[in-house]
Each structure stands twice: as C-alpha cells, then as structure tokens.
Amino acid sequence: MASDLTGVDAQMLRVYERRGLLTPERTEGGTRRYSERDIDRIGRIVMYLDAGLNLAGIARVLTLELESDQLRDQVRELGGVPRHDR
C-alpha cells in the first residue's frame, strides 16, 4: 500500500528502514504498517534524492529537521516566538 501511495517500490522502502530513515509500526505477524507521517517522510526522502542527496545526507537532514522542531517547541514553551513562525 505504501509503495502504491508513494511510487517507491517495496524493496527501497526496506532499504530506507534498514538505514534508519523509516520506522514503520509492525503487526503481531510482522507486517509493516506505514502511518500518514511515514508516508509524508517517504515523500521528503524522495524529494531529497531528487535534489541529489544520498541516503546518508538525507539521514542527517532528517535528524537536523527533528532537532529544529524540538528547539522551536522549546522556544514556544518558554513564551517566545521562533523566527520561523514570524
């Protein structure tokens, strides 16, 4: 299903998972369950690949995005307005 939604074949989805780019939930039987968030992330991975990044570079970018989001949340908790939101 995720492959149909994203245009990425199942083998590549497994590569992304092995590289730590995706962590889909699993059923008791081991079937991968991709969330809407996972589908969005696959779209971003494809966008970065199209822009010329390799999987290691994409992993770094995704980590930096997460850190940035966490910092924005901290600024909001402290009563500030992150620059990105201005």
N, C-alpha and C. Protein backbone atom coordinates (compact mmCIF):
# COMPACT_ATOMS: atom_id res chain seq x y z
N MET A 1 0.82 -1.19 0.00
CA MET A 1 0.00 0.00 0.00
C MET A 1 0.87 1.26 0.00
N ALA A 2 1.88 1.31 0.88
CA ALA A 2 2.77 2.48 0.93
C ALA A 2 3.49 2.67 -0.39
N SER A 3 3.85 1.56 -1.00
CA SER A 3 4.51 1.63 -2.30
C SER A 3 3.60 2.26 -3.35
N ASP A 4 2.34 1.87 -3.36
CA ASP A 4 1.38 2.44 -4.30
C ASP A 4 1.16 3.93 -4.05
N LEU A 5 1.09 4.32 -2.78
CA LEU A 5 0.84 5.72 -2.43
C LEU A 5 2.01 6.63 -2.77
N THR A 6 3.23 6.11 -2.65
CA THR A 6 4.42 6.95 -2.81
C THR A 6 5.15 6.77 -4.13
N GLY A 7 4.90 5.66 -4.82
CA GLY A 7 5.63 5.39 -6.04
C GLY A 7 7.01 4.80 -5.78
N VAL A 8 7.31 4.48 -4.52
CA VAL A 8 8.60 3.89 -4.14
C VAL A 8 8.38 2.39 -3.97
N ASP A 9 9.20 1.58 -4.65
CA ASP A 9 8.96 0.14 -4.57
C ASP A 9 9.28 -0.39 -3.17
N ALA A 10 8.69 -1.53 -2.85
CA ALA A 10 8.78 -2.11 -1.52
C ALA A 10 10.23 -2.40 -1.12
N GLN A 11 11.06 -2.79 -2.08
CA GLN A 11 12.46 -3.07 -1.77
C GLN A 11 13.16 -1.80 -1.28
N MET A 12 12.89 -0.66 -1.91
CA MET A 12 13.51 0.60 -1.47
C MET A 12 12.98 1.01 -0.10
N LEU A 13 11.71 0.77 0.16
CA LEU A 13 11.17 1.08 1.48
C LEU A 13 11.91 0.29 2.56
N ARG A 14 12.24 -0.96 2.26
CA ARG A 14 13.01 -1.78 3.21
C ARG A 14 14.43 -1.22 3.38
N VAL A 15 15.02 -0.71 2.29
CA VAL A 15 16.35 -0.08 2.39
C VAL A 15 16.27 1.14 3.29
N TYR A 16 15.25 1.97 3.10
CA TYR A 16 15.09 3.16 3.94
C TYR A 16 14.96 2.75 5.41
N GLU A 17 14.24 1.66 5.65
CA GLU A 17 14.07 1.19 7.02
C GLU A 17 15.40 0.70 7.60
N ARG A 18 16.15 -0.08 6.82
CA ARG A 18 17.46 -0.58 7.29
C ARG A 18 18.41 0.57 7.59
N ARG A 19 18.32 1.65 6.82
CA ARG A 19 19.20 2.82 7.02
C ARG A 19 18.71 3.74 8.13
N GLY A 20 17.59 3.40 8.75
CA GLY A 20 17.07 4.20 9.85
C GLY A 20 16.26 5.41 9.44
N LEU A 21 15.91 5.50 8.16
CA LEU A 21 15.14 6.64 7.67
C LEU A 21 13.65 6.50 7.96
N LEU A 22 13.20 5.27 8.14
CA LEU A 22 11.80 4.97 8.44
C LEU A 22 11.73 3.94 9.56
N THR A 23 10.69 4.05 10.37
CA THR A 23 10.45 3.03 11.40
C THR A 23 8.96 2.75 11.47
N PRO A 24 8.45 2.02 10.46
CA PRO A 24 7.01 1.72 10.47
C PRO A 24 6.65 0.79 11.63
N GLU A 25 5.42 0.93 12.09
CA GLU A 25 4.91 0.01 13.11
C GLU A 25 4.80 -1.38 12.49
N ARG A 26 4.72 -2.39 13.34
CA ARG A 26 4.58 -3.77 12.87
C ARG A 26 3.37 -4.41 13.52
N THR A 27 2.69 -5.24 12.75
CA THR A 27 1.61 -6.04 13.32
C THR A 27 2.25 -7.20 14.08
N GLU A 28 1.43 -7.96 14.81
CA GLU A 28 1.95 -9.13 15.52
C GLU A 28 2.57 -10.12 14.55
N GLY A 29 2.07 -10.17 13.33
CA GLY A 29 2.60 -11.08 12.33
C GLY A 29 3.82 -10.54 11.61
N GLY A 30 4.23 -9.28 11.93
CA GLY A 30 5.43 -8.71 11.33
C GLY A 30 5.19 -7.84 10.11
N THR A 31 3.94 -7.68 9.71
CA THR A 31 3.63 -6.83 8.56
C THR A 31 3.88 -5.37 8.90
N ARG A 32 4.52 -4.66 7.99
CA ARG A 32 4.79 -3.25 8.21
C ARG A 32 3.50 -2.44 8.06
N ARG A 33 3.31 -1.48 8.97
CA ARG A 33 2.16 -0.58 8.93
C ARG A 33 2.70 0.84 8.85
N TYR A 34 2.54 1.47 7.68
CA TYR A 34 3.04 2.82 7.46
C TYR A 34 1.96 3.83 7.84
N SER A 35 2.31 4.75 8.70
CA SER A 35 1.39 5.81 9.13
C SER A 35 1.39 6.93 8.09
N GLU A 36 0.48 7.85 8.27
CA GLU A 36 0.45 9.03 7.40
C GLU A 36 1.77 9.80 7.53
N ARG A 37 2.30 9.85 8.73
CA ARG A 37 3.59 10.52 8.95
C ARG A 37 4.70 9.81 8.19
N ASP A 38 4.68 8.47 8.18
CA ASP A 38 5.67 7.71 7.42
C ASP A 38 5.56 8.02 5.93
N ILE A 39 4.34 8.10 5.43
CA ILE A 39 4.11 8.40 4.00
C ILE A 39 4.66 9.78 3.67
N ASP A 40 4.42 10.75 4.54
CA ASP A 40 4.98 12.09 4.34
C ASP A 40 6.51 12.06 4.34
N ARG A 41 7.07 11.28 5.25
CA ARG A 41 8.53 11.18 5.34
C ARG A 41 9.10 10.56 4.08
N ILE A 42 8.43 9.55 3.53
CA ILE A 42 8.88 8.93 2.28
C ILE A 42 8.89 9.99 1.18
N GLY A 43 7.88 10.82 1.14
CA GLY A 43 7.84 11.91 0.16
C GLY A 43 9.02 12.85 0.30
N ARG A 44 9.41 13.16 1.54
CA ARG A 44 10.56 14.04 1.76
C ARG A 44 11.85 13.33 1.35
N ILE A 45 11.96 12.04 1.63
CA ILE A 45 13.14 11.28 1.22
C ILE A 45 13.28 11.33 -0.30
N VAL A 46 12.18 11.10 -1.00
CA VAL A 46 12.20 11.14 -2.47
C VAL A 46 12.60 12.53 -2.96
N MET A 47 12.06 13.57 -2.32
CA MET A 47 12.39 14.95 -2.70
C MET A 47 13.90 15.20 -2.55
N TYR A 48 14.48 14.75 -1.44
CA TYR A 48 15.91 14.94 -1.22
C TYR A 48 16.75 14.12 -2.19
N LEU A 49 16.30 12.90 -2.50
CA LEU A 49 17.01 12.10 -3.50
C LEU A 49 16.99 12.80 -4.86
N ASP A 50 15.84 13.34 -5.23
CA ASP A 50 15.72 14.07 -6.50
C ASP A 50 16.62 15.31 -6.53
N ALA A 51 16.88 15.87 -5.34
CA ALA A 51 17.73 17.06 -5.25
C ALA A 51 19.22 16.69 -5.26
N GLY A 52 19.52 15.38 -5.24
CA GLY A 52 20.90 14.93 -5.35
C GLY A 52 21.55 14.47 -4.06
N LEU A 53 20.82 14.43 -2.96
CA LEU A 53 21.39 13.94 -1.71
C LEU A 53 21.43 12.42 -1.71
N ASN A 54 22.44 11.85 -1.04
CA ASN A 54 22.47 10.41 -0.86
C ASN A 54 21.76 10.07 0.44
N LEU A 55 21.60 8.77 0.72
CA LEU A 55 20.84 8.36 1.90
C LEU A 55 21.49 8.82 3.21
N ALA A 56 22.82 8.84 3.26
CA ALA A 56 23.50 9.32 4.47
C ALA A 56 23.21 10.81 4.68
N GLY A 57 23.23 11.58 3.61
CA GLY A 57 22.91 13.00 3.70
C GLY A 57 21.48 13.23 4.11
N ILE A 58 20.59 12.41 3.59
CA ILE A 58 19.16 12.53 3.94
C ILE A 58 18.96 12.22 5.41
N ALA A 59 19.65 11.20 5.92
CA ALA A 59 19.54 10.86 7.33
C ALA A 59 19.96 12.05 8.19
N ARG A 60 21.02 12.73 7.79
CA ARG A 60 21.50 13.89 8.55
C ARG A 60 20.48 15.02 8.49
N VAL A 61 19.94 15.29 7.30
CA VAL A 61 18.94 16.36 7.15
C VAL A 61 17.72 16.07 8.01
N LEU A 62 17.24 14.83 7.99
CA LEU A 62 16.06 14.48 8.78
C LEU A 62 16.32 14.64 10.27
N THR A 63 17.54 14.30 10.71
CA THR A 63 17.92 14.50 12.11
C THR A 63 17.92 15.98 12.45
N LEU A 64 18.48 16.80 11.57
CA LEU A 64 18.51 18.25 11.81
C LEU A 64 17.11 18.84 11.82
N GLU A 65 16.23 18.34 10.96
CA GLU A 65 14.84 18.81 10.97
C GLU A 65 14.17 18.51 12.31
N LEU A 66 14.39 17.31 12.82
CA LEU A 66 13.81 16.92 14.10
C LEU A 66 14.35 17.81 15.22
N GLU A 67 15.66 18.04 15.23
CA GLU A 67 16.27 18.90 16.26
C GLU A 67 15.71 20.31 16.16
N SER A 68 15.54 20.81 14.97
CA SER A 68 14.99 22.15 14.76
C SER A 68 13.57 22.25 15.30
N ASP A 69 12.77 21.23 15.01
CA ASP A 69 11.38 21.20 15.51
C ASP A 69 11.36 21.19 17.04
N GLN A 70 12.27 20.42 17.63
CA GLN A 70 12.32 20.35 19.09
C GLN A 70 12.74 21.69 19.69
N LEU A 71 13.68 22.36 19.06
CA LEU A 71 14.10 23.68 19.54
C LEU A 71 12.97 24.70 19.42
N ARG A 72 12.23 24.65 18.32
CA ARG A 72 11.08 25.54 18.14
C ARG A 72 10.06 25.33 19.25
N ASP A 73 9.81 24.06 19.57
CA ASP A 73 8.88 23.73 20.65
C ASP A 73 9.37 24.29 21.99
N GLN A 74 10.66 24.20 22.24
CA GLN A 74 11.22 24.72 23.49
C GLN A 74 11.06 26.24 23.56
N VAL A 75 11.31 26.92 22.46
CA VAL A 75 11.15 28.37 22.43
C VAL A 75 9.70 28.74 22.74
N ARG A 76 8.76 28.02 22.14
CA ARG A 76 7.34 28.28 22.41
C ARG A 76 6.99 28.05 23.87
N GLU A 77 7.53 26.96 24.45
CA GLU A 77 7.26 26.65 25.85
C GLU A 77 7.78 27.75 26.77
N LEU A 78 8.84 28.41 26.34
CA LEU A 78 9.40 29.50 27.13
C LEU A 78 8.73 30.84 26.86
N GLY A 79 7.71 30.83 26.00
CA GLY A 79 6.93 32.03 25.73
C GLY A 79 7.45 32.85 24.57
N GLY A 80 8.40 32.35 23.85
CA GLY A 80 8.96 33.08 22.71
C GLY A 80 8.26 32.72 21.41
N VAL A 81 8.68 33.42 20.37
CA VAL A 81 8.17 33.15 19.02
C VAL A 81 9.37 32.79 18.16
N PRO A 82 9.46 31.52 17.72
CA PRO A 82 10.59 31.12 16.87
C PRO A 82 10.63 31.96 15.60
N ARG A 83 11.82 32.24 15.11
CA ARG A 83 11.99 33.06 13.90
C ARG A 83 11.22 32.49 12.72
N HIS A 84 11.20 31.17 12.62
CA HIS A 84 10.50 30.52 11.51
C HIS A 84 9.02 30.88 11.48
N ASP A 85 8.43 31.15 12.66
CA ASP A 85 6.99 31.45 12.77
C ASP A 85 6.67 32.93 12.59
N ARG A 86 7.65 33.79 12.52
CA ARG A 86 7.38 35.23 12.44
C ARG A 86 6.91 35.65 11.10
